[in-house]
Amino acid sequence: MPRAWVYILSCSDGSYYTGHTTNLEYRLAQHQDGEASDWTKRRLPVELVFCQEMPDRRQAFEAERQVKKWSRAKKEALIAEDWDLLKWLAKKPKFRK
């Protein structure tokens, strides 16, 4: 079964781009060449700041969809691998103490 990854890129304007792929090196090269997405094409250069190998493409796609919905703070906690902060940010604001 082919490997797959979910990844986050940091764009030159400070925004984040989340995607998934079965060929991480090739996909990163596409982003750097302005061929992968309109979002990253307008925000070059981009830098890989997070990637996680997933069991298959379907699960990588599902992880991408989940992370895209997250706040900037939550994405930054994931990038920093700050699991306690990520867990805290996952709570509804009224339950954060």
PDB file of N, CA and C in Angstrom:
ATOM      1  N   MET A   1       0.849  -1.178   0.000  1.00  0.00           N
ATOM      2  CA  MET A   1       0.000   0.000   0.000  1.00  0.00           C
ATOM      3  C   MET A   1       0.899   1.247   0.000  1.00  0.00           C
ATOM      4  N   PRO A   2       0.613   2.222  -0.859  1.00  0.00           N
ATOM      5  CA  PRO A   2       1.465   3.413  -0.914  1.00  0.00           C
ATOM      6  C   PRO A   2       1.363   4.253   0.350  1.00  0.00           C
ATOM      7  N   ARG A   3       2.482   4.845   0.700  1.00  0.00           N
ATOM      8  CA  ARG A   3       2.495   5.739   1.848  1.00  0.00           C
ATOM      9  C   ARG A   3       1.800   7.043   1.477  1.00  0.00           C
ATOM     10  N   ALA A   4       1.365   7.767   2.495  1.00  0.00           N
ATOM     11  CA  ALA A   4       0.733   9.061   2.270  1.00  0.00           C
ATOM     12  C   ALA A   4       1.096   9.977   3.431  1.00  0.00           C
ATOM     13  N   TRP A   5       1.036  11.262   3.185  1.00  0.00           N
ATOM     14  CA  TRP A   5       1.360  12.245   4.199  1.00  0.00           C
ATOM     15  C   TRP A   5       0.312  13.349   4.224  1.00  0.00           C
ATOM     16  N   VAL A   6       0.120  13.899   5.396  1.00  0.00           N
ATOM     17  CA  VAL A   6      -0.566  15.173   5.557  1.00  0.00           C
ATOM     18  C   VAL A   6       0.558  16.153   5.892  1.00  0.00           C
ATOM     19  N   TYR A   7       0.475  17.379   5.361  1.00  0.00           N
ATOM     20  CA  TYR A   7       1.572  18.327   5.568  1.00  0.00           C
ATOM     21  C   TYR A   7       1.035  19.747   5.701  1.00  0.00           C
ATOM     22  N   ILE A   8       1.854  20.601   6.309  1.00  0.00           N
ATOM     23  CA  ILE A   8       1.556  22.020   6.430  1.00  0.00           C
ATOM     24  C   ILE A   8       2.758  22.784   5.902  1.00  0.00           C
ATOM     25  N   LEU A   9       2.476  23.766   5.063  1.00  0.00           N
ATOM     26  CA  LEU A   9       3.497  24.668   4.550  1.00  0.00           C
ATOM     27  C   LEU A   9       3.299  26.040   5.157  1.00  0.00           C
ATOM     28  N   SER A  10       4.396  26.709   5.445  1.00  0.00           N
ATOM     29  CA  SER A  10       4.357  28.107   5.838  1.00  0.00           C
ATOM     30  C   SER A  10       4.644  28.920   4.583  1.00  0.00           C
ATOM     31  N   CYS A  11       3.753  29.849   4.274  1.00  0.00           N
ATOM     32  CA  CYS A  11       3.881  30.654   3.056  1.00  0.00           C
ATOM     33  C   CYS A  11       4.576  31.978   3.366  1.00  0.00           C
ATOM     34  N   SER A  12       5.065  32.644   2.330  1.00  0.00           N
ATOM     35  CA  SER A  12       5.828  33.879   2.510  1.00  0.00           C
ATOM     36  C   SER A  12       5.023  34.995   3.162  1.00  0.00           C
ATOM     37  N   ASP A  13       3.699  34.944   3.071  1.00  0.00           N
ATOM     38  CA  ASP A  13       2.866  35.975   3.695  1.00  0.00           C
ATOM     39  C   ASP A  13       2.480  35.620   5.130  1.00  0.00           C
ATOM     40  N   GLY A  14       3.011  34.516   5.649  1.00  0.00           N
ATOM     41  CA  GLY A  14       2.725  34.099   7.016  1.00  0.00           C
ATOM     42  C   GLY A  14       1.537  33.163   7.147  1.00  0.00           C
ATOM     43  N   SER A  15       0.842  32.892   6.063  1.00  0.00           N
ATOM     44  CA  SER A  15      -0.298  31.975   6.101  1.00  0.00           C
ATOM     45  C   SER A  15       0.194  30.539   6.064  1.00  0.00           C
ATOM     46  N   TYR A  16      -0.716  29.629   6.359  1.00  0.00           N
ATOM     47  CA  TYR A  16      -0.416  28.198   6.302  1.00  0.00           C
ATOM     48  C   TYR A  16      -1.251  27.552   5.211  1.00  0.00           C
ATOM     49  N   TYR A  17      -0.656  26.551   4.578  1.00  0.00           N
ATOM     50  CA  TYR A  17      -1.351  25.753   3.576  1.00  0.00           C
ATOM     51  C   TYR A  17      -1.275  24.305   4.042  1.00  0.00           C
ATOM     52  N   THR A  18      -2.398  23.622   4.074  1.00  0.00           N
ATOM     53  CA  THR A  18      -2.446  22.216   4.485  1.00  0.00           C
ATOM     54  C   THR A  18      -2.826  21.366   3.288  1.00  0.00           C
ATOM     55  N   GLY A  19      -2.117  20.249   3.112  1.00  0.00           N
ATOM     56  CA  GLY A  19      -2.412  19.352   2.002  1.00  0.00           C
ATOM     57  C   GLY A  19      -2.094  17.911   2.354  1.00  0.00           C
ATOM     58  N   HIS A  20      -2.308  17.040   1.374  1.00  0.00           N
ATOM     59  CA  HIS A  20      -1.943  15.629   1.535  1.00  0.00           C
ATOM     60  C   HIS A  20      -1.389  15.134   0.207  1.00  0.00           C
ATOM     61  N   THR A  21      -0.595  14.080   0.273  1.00  0.00           N
ATOM     62  CA  THR A  21       0.046  13.552  -0.930  1.00  0.00           C
ATOM     63  C   THR A  21       0.551  12.137  -0.682  1.00  0.00           C
ATOM     64  N   THR A  22       0.838  11.441  -1.764  1.00  0.00           N
ATOM     65  CA  THR A  22       1.503  10.139  -1.663  1.00  0.00           C
ATOM     66  C   THR A  22       2.983  10.246  -2.042  1.00  0.00           C
ATOM     67  N   ASN A  23       3.412  11.423  -2.496  1.00  0.00           N
ATOM     68  CA  ASN A  23       4.818  11.637  -2.850  1.00  0.00           C
ATOM     69  C   ASN A  23       5.222  13.013  -2.326  1.00  0.00           C
ATOM     70  N   LEU A  24       5.704  13.067  -1.106  1.00  0.00           N
ATOM     71  CA  LEU A  24       5.961  14.326  -0.424  1.00  0.00           C
ATOM     72  C   LEU A  24       7.020  15.172  -1.143  1.00  0.00           C
ATOM     73  N   GLU A  25       8.134  14.580  -1.502  1.00  0.00           N
ATOM     74  CA  GLU A  25       9.199  15.350  -2.161  1.00  0.00           C
ATOM     75  C   GLU A  25       8.718  15.960  -3.476  1.00  0.00           C
ATOM     76  N   TYR A  26       8.023  15.181  -4.271  1.00  0.00           N
ATOM     77  CA  TYR A  26       7.505  15.667  -5.553  1.00  0.00           C
ATOM     78  C   TYR A  26       6.491  16.789  -5.343  1.00  0.00           C
ATOM     79  N   ARG A  27       5.604  16.608  -4.381  1.00  0.00           N
ATOM     80  CA  ARG A  27       4.570  17.616  -4.121  1.00  0.00           C
ATOM     81  C   ARG A  27       5.197  18.915  -3.625  1.00  0.00           C
ATOM     82  N   LEU A  28       6.201  18.838  -2.780  1.00  0.00           N
ATOM     83  CA  LEU A  28       6.880  20.047  -2.307  1.00  0.00           C
ATOM     84  C   LEU A  28       7.554  20.782  -3.452  1.00  0.00           C
ATOM     85  N   ALA A  29       8.164  20.024  -4.357  1.00  0.00           N
ATOM     86  CA  ALA A  29       8.781  20.637  -5.536  1.00  0.00           C
ATOM     87  C   ALA A  29       7.725  21.329  -6.399  1.00  0.00           C
ATOM     88  N   GLN A  30       6.559  20.712  -6.538  1.00  0.00           N
ATOM     89  CA  GLN A  30       5.471  21.337  -7.288  1.00  0.00           C
ATOM     90  C   GLN A  30       5.063  22.661  -6.641  1.00  0.00           C
ATOM     91  N   HIS A  31       4.931  22.658  -5.326  1.00  0.00           N
ATOM     92  CA  HIS A  31       4.576  23.900  -4.631  1.00  0.00           C
ATOM     93  C   HIS A  31       5.635  24.973  -4.880  1.00  0.00           C
ATOM     94  N   GLN A  32       6.909  24.627  -4.728  1.00  0.00           N
ATOM     95  CA  GLN A  32       7.992  25.599  -4.913  1.00  0.00           C
ATOM     96  C   GLN A  32       8.042  26.133  -6.345  1.00  0.00           C
ATOM     97  N   ASP A  33       7.634  25.312  -7.301  1.00  0.00           N
ATOM     98  CA  ASP A  33       7.630  25.726  -8.710  1.00  0.00           C
ATOM     99  C   ASP A  33       6.347  26.457  -9.097  1.00  0.00           C
ATOM    100  N   GLY A  34       5.425  26.615  -8.145  1.00  0.00           N
ATOM    101  CA  GLY A  34       4.173  27.311  -8.418  1.00  0.00           C
ATOM    102  C   GLY A  34       3.178  26.494  -9.209  1.00  0.00           C
ATOM    103  N   GLU A  35       3.311  25.166  -9.184  1.00  0.00           N
ATOM    104  CA  GLU A  35       2.457  24.290  -9.983  1.00  0.00           C
ATOM    105  C   GLU A  35       1.404  23.540  -9.169  1.00  0.00           C
ATOM    106  N   ALA A  36       1.464  23.601  -7.845  1.00  0.00           N
ATOM    107  CA  ALA A  36       0.602  22.730  -7.040  1.00  0.00           C
ATOM    108  C   ALA A  36      -0.741  23.356  -6.698  1.00  0.00           C
ATOM    109  N   SER A  37      -0.766  24.631  -6.366  1.00  0.00           N
ATOM    110  CA  SER A  37      -2.034  25.265  -5.988  1.00  0.00           C
ATOM    111  C   SER A  37      -1.933  26.768  -6.225  1.00  0.00           C
ATOM    112  N   ASP A  38      -3.072  27.371  -6.498  1.00  0.00           N
ATOM    113  CA  ASP A  38      -3.096  28.822  -6.669  1.00  0.00           C
ATOM    114  C   ASP A  38      -2.704  29.535  -5.380  1.00  0.00           C
ATOM    115  N   TRP A  39      -3.096  28.965  -4.232  1.00  0.00           N
ATOM    116  CA  TRP A  39      -2.786  29.582  -2.939  1.00  0.00           C
ATOM    117  C   TRP A  39      -1.282  29.720  -2.763  1.00  0.00           C
ATOM    118  N   THR A  40      -0.557  28.629  -2.913  1.00  0.00           N
ATOM    119  CA  THR A  40       0.886  28.690  -2.681  1.00  0.00           C
ATOM    120  C   THR A  40       1.599  29.400  -3.827  1.00  0.00           C
ATOM    121  N   LYS A  41       1.070  29.322  -5.027  1.00  0.00           N
ATOM    122  CA  LYS A  41       1.696  29.992  -6.177  1.00  0.00           C
ATOM    123  C   LYS A  41       1.820  31.496  -5.926  1.00  0.00           C
ATOM    124  N   ARG A  42       0.814  32.079  -5.274  1.00  0.00           N
ATOM    125  CA  ARG A  42       0.807  33.519  -5.000  1.00  0.00           C
ATOM    126  C   ARG A  42       1.561  33.865  -3.715  1.00  0.00           C
ATOM    127  N   ARG A  43       2.094  32.854  -3.017  1.00  0.00           N
ATOM    128  CA  ARG A  43       2.726  33.102  -1.725  1.00  0.00           C
ATOM    129  C   ARG A  43       4.094  32.429  -1.615  1.00  0.00           C
ATOM    130  N   LEU A  44       4.822  32.386  -2.695  1.00  0.00           N
ATOM    131  CA  LEU A  44       6.146  31.766  -2.706  1.00  0.00           C
ATOM    132  C   LEU A  44       7.171  32.690  -2.064  1.00  0.00           C
ATOM    133  N   PRO A  45       8.219  32.128  -1.476  1.00  0.00           N
ATOM    134  CA  PRO A  45       8.475  30.702  -1.317  1.00  0.00           C
ATOM    135  C   PRO A  45       7.672  30.121  -0.145  1.00  0.00           C
ATOM    136  N   VAL A  46       7.585  28.807  -0.151  1.00  0.00           N
ATOM    137  CA  VAL A  46       6.913  28.098   0.935  1.00  0.00           C
ATOM    138  C   VAL A  46       7.925  27.196   1.635  1.00  0.00           C
ATOM    139  N   GLU A  47       7.624  26.877   2.881  1.00  0.00           N
ATOM    140  CA  GLU A  47       8.519  26.021   3.664  1.00  0.00           C
ATOM    141  C   GLU A  47       7.693  24.942   4.352  1.00  0.00           C
ATOM    142  N   LEU A  48       8.159  23.716   4.286  1.00  0.00           N
ATOM    143  CA  LEU A  48       7.505  22.613   4.988  1.00  0.00           C
ATOM    144  C   LEU A  48       7.757  22.781   6.477  1.00  0.00           C
ATOM    145  N   VAL A  49       6.668  22.888   7.257  1.00  0.00           N
ATOM    146  CA  VAL A  49       6.818  23.061   8.706  1.00  0.00           C
ATOM    147  C   VAL A  49       6.256  21.883   9.501  1.00  0.00           C
ATOM    148  N   PHE A  50       5.479  21.023   8.833  1.00  0.00           N
ATOM    149  CA  PHE A  50       4.927  19.852   9.507  1.00  0.00           C
ATOM    150  C   PHE A  50       4.584  18.807   8.463  1.00  0.00           C
ATOM    151  N   CYS A  51       4.874  17.557   8.784  1.00  0.00           N
ATOM    152  CA  CYS A  51       4.375  16.441   7.971  1.00  0.00           C
ATOM    153  C   CYS A  51       4.230  15.226   8.868  1.00  0.00           C
ATOM    154  N   GLN A  52       3.238  14.440   8.553  1.00  0.00           N
ATOM    155  CA  GLN A  52       3.007  13.204   9.296  1.00  0.00           C
ATOM    156  C   GLN A  52       2.622  12.117   8.309  1.00  0.00           C
ATOM    157  N   GLU A  53       3.319  11.008   8.393  1.00  0.00           N
ATOM    158  CA  GLU A  53       2.986   9.878   7.543  1.00  0.00           C
ATOM    159  C   GLU A  53       1.696   9.243   8.034  1.00  0.00           C
ATOM    160  N   MET A  54       0.854   8.877   7.095  1.00  0.00           N
ATOM    161  CA  MET A  54      -0.437   8.274   7.395  1.00  0.00           C
ATOM    162  C   MET A  54      -0.486   6.880   6.761  1.00  0.00           C
ATOM    163  N   PRO A  55      -1.357   6.016   7.268  1.00  0.00           N
ATOM    164  CA  PRO A  55      -1.429   4.652   6.737  1.00  0.00           C
ATOM    165  C   PRO A  55      -1.815   4.569   5.255  1.00  0.00           C
ATOM    166  N   ASP A  56      -2.644   5.503   4.795  1.00  0.00           N
ATOM    167  CA  ASP A  56      -3.063   5.469   3.390  1.00  0.00           C
ATOM    168  C   ASP A  56      -3.566   6.851   2.973  1.00  0.00           C
ATOM    169  N   ARG A  57      -3.845   6.999   1.688  1.00  0.00           N
ATOM    170  CA  ARG A  57      -4.258   8.289   1.136  1.00  0.00           C
ATOM    171  C   ARG A  57      -5.582   8.772   1.735  1.00  0.00           C
ATOM    172  N   ARG A  58      -6.510   7.873   1.952  1.00  0.00           N
ATOM    173  CA  ARG A  58      -7.812   8.259   2.500  1.00  0.00           C
ATOM    174  C   ARG A  58      -7.643   8.897   3.875  1.00  0.00           C
ATOM    175  N   GLN A  59      -6.822   8.287   4.715  1.00  0.00           N
ATOM    176  CA  GLN A  59      -6.622   8.837   6.053  1.00  0.00           C
ATOM    177  C   GLN A  59      -5.844  10.153   6.010  1.00  0.00           C
ATOM    178  N   ALA A  60      -4.925  10.275   5.064  1.00  0.00           N
ATOM    179  CA  ALA A  60      -4.203  11.539   4.906  1.00  0.00           C
ATOM    180  C   ALA A  60      -5.166  12.641   4.469  1.00  0.00           C
ATOM    181  N   PHE A  61      -6.076  12.322   3.562  1.00  0.00           N
ATOM    182  CA  PHE A  61      -7.080  13.285   3.110  1.00  0.00           C
ATOM    183  C   PHE A  61      -7.992  13.706   4.260  1.00  0.00           C
ATOM    184  N   GLU A  62      -8.412  12.741   5.064  1.00  0.00           N
ATOM    185  CA  GLU A  62      -9.273  13.055   6.212  1.00  0.00           C
ATOM    186  C   GLU A  62      -8.544  13.940   7.220  1.00  0.00           C
ATOM    187  N   ALA A  63      -7.265  13.666   7.449  1.00  0.00           N
ATOM    188  CA  ALA A  63      -6.475  14.493   8.366  1.00  0.00           C
ATOM    189  C   ALA A  63      -6.332  15.910   7.803  1.00  0.00           C
ATOM    190  N   GLU A  64      -6.109  16.021   6.495  1.00  0.00           N
ATOM    191  CA  GLU A  64      -6.021  17.341   5.856  1.00  0.00           C
ATOM    192  C   GLU A  64      -7.307  18.132   6.074  1.00  0.00           C
ATOM    193  N   ARG A  65      -8.437  17.498   5.832  1.00  0.00           N
ATOM    194  CA  ARG A  65      -9.729  18.176   5.992  1.00  0.00           C
ATOM    195  C   ARG A  65      -9.935  18.641   7.425  1.00  0.00           C
ATOM    196  N   GLN A  66      -9.505  17.824   8.380  1.00  0.00           N
ATOM    197  CA  GLN A  66      -9.644  18.190   9.788  1.00  0.00           C
ATOM    198  C   GLN A  66      -8.757  19.390  10.128  1.00  0.00           C
ATOM    199  N   VAL A  67      -7.482  19.323   9.754  1.00  0.00           N
ATOM    200  CA  VAL A  67      -6.528  20.375  10.108  1.00  0.00           C
ATOM    201  C   VAL A  67      -6.903  21.698   9.422  1.00  0.00           C
ATOM    202  N   LYS A  68      -7.414  21.642   8.207  1.00  0.00           N
ATOM    203  CA  LYS A  68      -7.805  22.876   7.511  1.00  0.00           C
ATOM    204  C   LYS A  68      -8.857  23.662   8.283  1.00  0.00           C
ATOM    205  N   LYS A  69      -9.654  22.998   9.083  1.00  0.00           N
ATOM    206  CA  LYS A  69     -10.706  23.667   9.866  1.00  0.00           C
ATOM    207  C   LYS A  69     -10.161  24.298  11.148  1.00  0.00           C
ATOM    208  N   TRP A  70      -8.959  23.948  11.528  1.00  0.00           N
ATOM    209  CA  TRP A  70      -8.402  24.405  12.792  1.00  0.00           C
ATOM    210  C   TRP A  70      -8.019  25.875  12.750  1.00  0.00           C
ATOM    211  N   SER A  71      -7.975  26.471  13.936  1.00  0.00           N
ATOM    212  CA  SER A  71      -7.504  27.846  14.083  1.00  0.00           C
ATOM    213  C   SER A  71      -5.991  27.886  13.842  1.00  0.00           C
ATOM    214  N   ARG A  72      -5.502  29.095  13.624  1.00  0.00           N
ATOM    215  CA  ARG A  72      -4.065  29.281  13.464  1.00  0.00           C
ATOM    216  C   ARG A  72      -3.316  28.805  14.717  1.00  0.00           C
ATOM    217  N   ALA A  73      -3.847  29.123  15.878  1.00  0.00           N
ATOM    218  CA  ALA A  73      -3.201  28.719  17.136  1.00  0.00           C
ATOM    219  C   ALA A  73      -3.091  27.202  17.246  1.00  0.00           C
ATOM    220  N   LYS A  74      -4.134  26.524  16.855  1.00  0.00           N
ATOM    221  CA  LYS A  74      -4.133  25.066  16.931  1.00  0.00           C
ATOM    222  C   LYS A  74      -3.124  24.475  15.944  1.00  0.00           C
ATOM    223  N   LYS A  75      -3.052  25.043  14.728  1.00  0.00           N
ATOM    224  CA  LYS A  75      -2.052  24.580  13.751  1.00  0.00           C
ATOM    225  C   LYS A  75      -0.645  24.817  14.273  1.00  0.00           C
ATOM    226  N   GLU A  76      -0.422  25.966  14.905  1.00  0.00           N
ATOM    227  CA  GLU A  76       0.912  26.266  15.428  1.00  0.00           C
ATOM    228  C   GLU A  76       1.285  25.341  16.580  1.00  0.00           C
ATOM    229  N   ALA A  77       0.317  24.934  17.374  1.00  0.00           N
ATOM    230  CA  ALA A  77       0.587  23.958  18.441  1.00  0.00           C
ATOM    231  C   ALA A  77       0.970  22.614  17.827  1.00  0.00           C
ATOM    232  N   LEU A  78       0.303  22.229  16.750  1.00  0.00           N
ATOM    233  CA  LEU A  78       0.643  20.981  16.059  1.00  0.00           C
ATOM    234  C   LEU A  78       2.049  21.058  15.477  1.00  0.00           C
ATOM    235  N   ILE A  79       2.358  22.167  14.821  1.00  0.00           N
ATOM    236  CA  ILE A  79       3.682  22.357  14.227  1.00  0.00           C
ATOM    237  C   ILE A  79       4.764  22.273  15.301  1.00  0.00           C
ATOM    238  N   ALA A  80       4.495  22.876  16.458  1.00  0.00           N
ATOM    239  CA  ALA A  80       5.461  22.879  17.569  1.00  0.00           C
ATOM    240  C   ALA A  80       5.453  21.569  18.356  1.00  0.00           C
ATOM    241  N   GLU A  81       4.537  20.679  18.011  1.00  0.00           N
ATOM    242  CA  GLU A  81       4.359  19.415  18.729  1.00  0.00           C
ATOM    243  C   GLU A  81       4.105  19.661  20.216  1.00  0.00           C
ATOM    244  N   ASP A  82       3.337  20.704  20.488  1.00  0.00           N
ATOM    245  CA  ASP A  82       2.953  21.042  21.859  1.00  0.00           C
ATOM    246  C   ASP A  82       1.604  20.375  22.133  1.00  0.00           C
ATOM    247  N   TRP A  83       1.649  19.118  22.539  1.00  0.00           N
ATOM    248  CA  TRP A  83       0.445  18.298  22.676  1.00  0.00           C
ATOM    249  C   TRP A  83      -0.475  18.800  23.785  1.00  0.00           C
ATOM    250  N   ASP A  84       0.105  19.348  24.862  1.00  0.00           N
ATOM    251  CA  ASP A  84      -0.735  19.879  25.942  1.00  0.00           C
ATOM    252  C   ASP A  84      -1.528  21.094  25.453  1.00  0.00           C
ATOM    253  N   LEU A  85      -0.869  21.995  24.748  1.00  0.00           N
ATOM    254  CA  LEU A  85      -1.563  23.168  24.222  1.00  0.00           C
ATOM    255  C   LEU A  85      -2.603  22.753  23.187  1.00  0.00           C
ATOM    256  N   LEU A  86      -2.258  21.812  22.333  1.00  0.00           N
ATOM    257  CA  LEU A  86      -3.199  21.340  21.317  1.00  0.00           C
ATOM    258  C   LEU A  86      -4.450  20.755  21.977  1.00  0.00           C
ATOM    259  N   LYS A  87      -4.241  19.976  23.022  1.00  0.00           N
ATOM    260  CA  LYS A  87      -5.372  19.395  23.759  1.00  0.00           C
ATOM    261  C   LYS A  87      -6.226  20.492  24.396  1.00  0.00           C
ATOM    262  N   TRP A  88      -5.577  21.508  24.967  1.00  0.00           N
ATOM    263  CA  TRP A  88      -6.294  22.617  25.592  1.00  0.00           C
ATOM    264  C   TRP A  88      -7.081  23.406  24.540  1.00  0.00           C
ATOM    265  N   LEU A  89      -6.473  23.684  23.391  1.00  0.00           N
ATOM    266  CA  LEU A  89      -7.145  24.434  22.327  1.00  0.00           C
ATOM    267  C   LEU A  89      -8.302  23.657  21.707  1.00  0.00           C
ATOM    268  N   ALA A  90      -8.269  22.342  21.842  1.00  0.00           N
ATOM    269  CA  ALA A  90      -9.346  21.513  21.294  1.00  0.00           C
ATOM    270  C   ALA A  90     -10.628  21.648  22.106  1.00  0.00           C
ATOM    271  N   LYS A  91     -10.496  22.139  23.337  1.00  0.00           N
ATOM    272  CA  LYS A  91     -11.679  22.327  24.182  1.00  0.00           C
ATOM    273  C   LYS A  91     -12.429  23.584  23.765  1.00  0.00           C
ATOM    274  N   LYS A  92     -13.710  23.588  24.011  1.00  0.00           N
ATOM    275  CA  LYS A  92     -14.502  24.794  23.784  1.00  0.00           C
ATOM    276  C   LYS A  92     -14.001  25.874  24.736  1.00  0.00           C
ATOM    277  N   PRO A  93     -13.993  27.138  24.289  1.00  0.00           N
ATOM    278  CA  PRO A  93     -13.454  28.212  25.130  1.00  0.00           C
ATOM    279  C   PRO A  93     -14.005  28.252  26.543  1.00  0.00           C
ATOM    280  N   LYS A  94     -15.278  27.964  26.728  1.00  0.00           N
ATOM    281  CA  LYS A  94     -15.841  28.043  28.082  1.00  0.00           C
ATOM    282  C   LYS A  94     -15.308  26.939  29.008  1.00  0.00           C
ATOM    283  N   PHE A  95     -14.658  25.910  28.428  1.00  0.00           N
ATOM    284  CA  PHE A  95     -14.115  24.820  29.238  1.00  0.00           C
ATOM    285  C   PHE A  95     -12.601  24.902  29.393  1.00  0.00           C
ATOM    286  N   ARG A  96     -11.973  25.945  28.855  1.00  0.00           N
ATOM    287  CA  ARG A  96     -10.530  26.108  28.970  1.00  0.00           C
ATOM    288  C   ARG A  96     -10.192  26.758  30.302  1.00  0.00           C
ATOM    289  N   LYS A  97      -9.506  26.014  31.139  1.00  0.00           N
ATOM    290  CA  LYS A  97      -9.077  26.553  32.446  1.00  0.00           C
ATOM    291  C   LYS A  97      -7.684  26.115  32.753  1.00  0.00           C
TER     292      LYS A  97
END
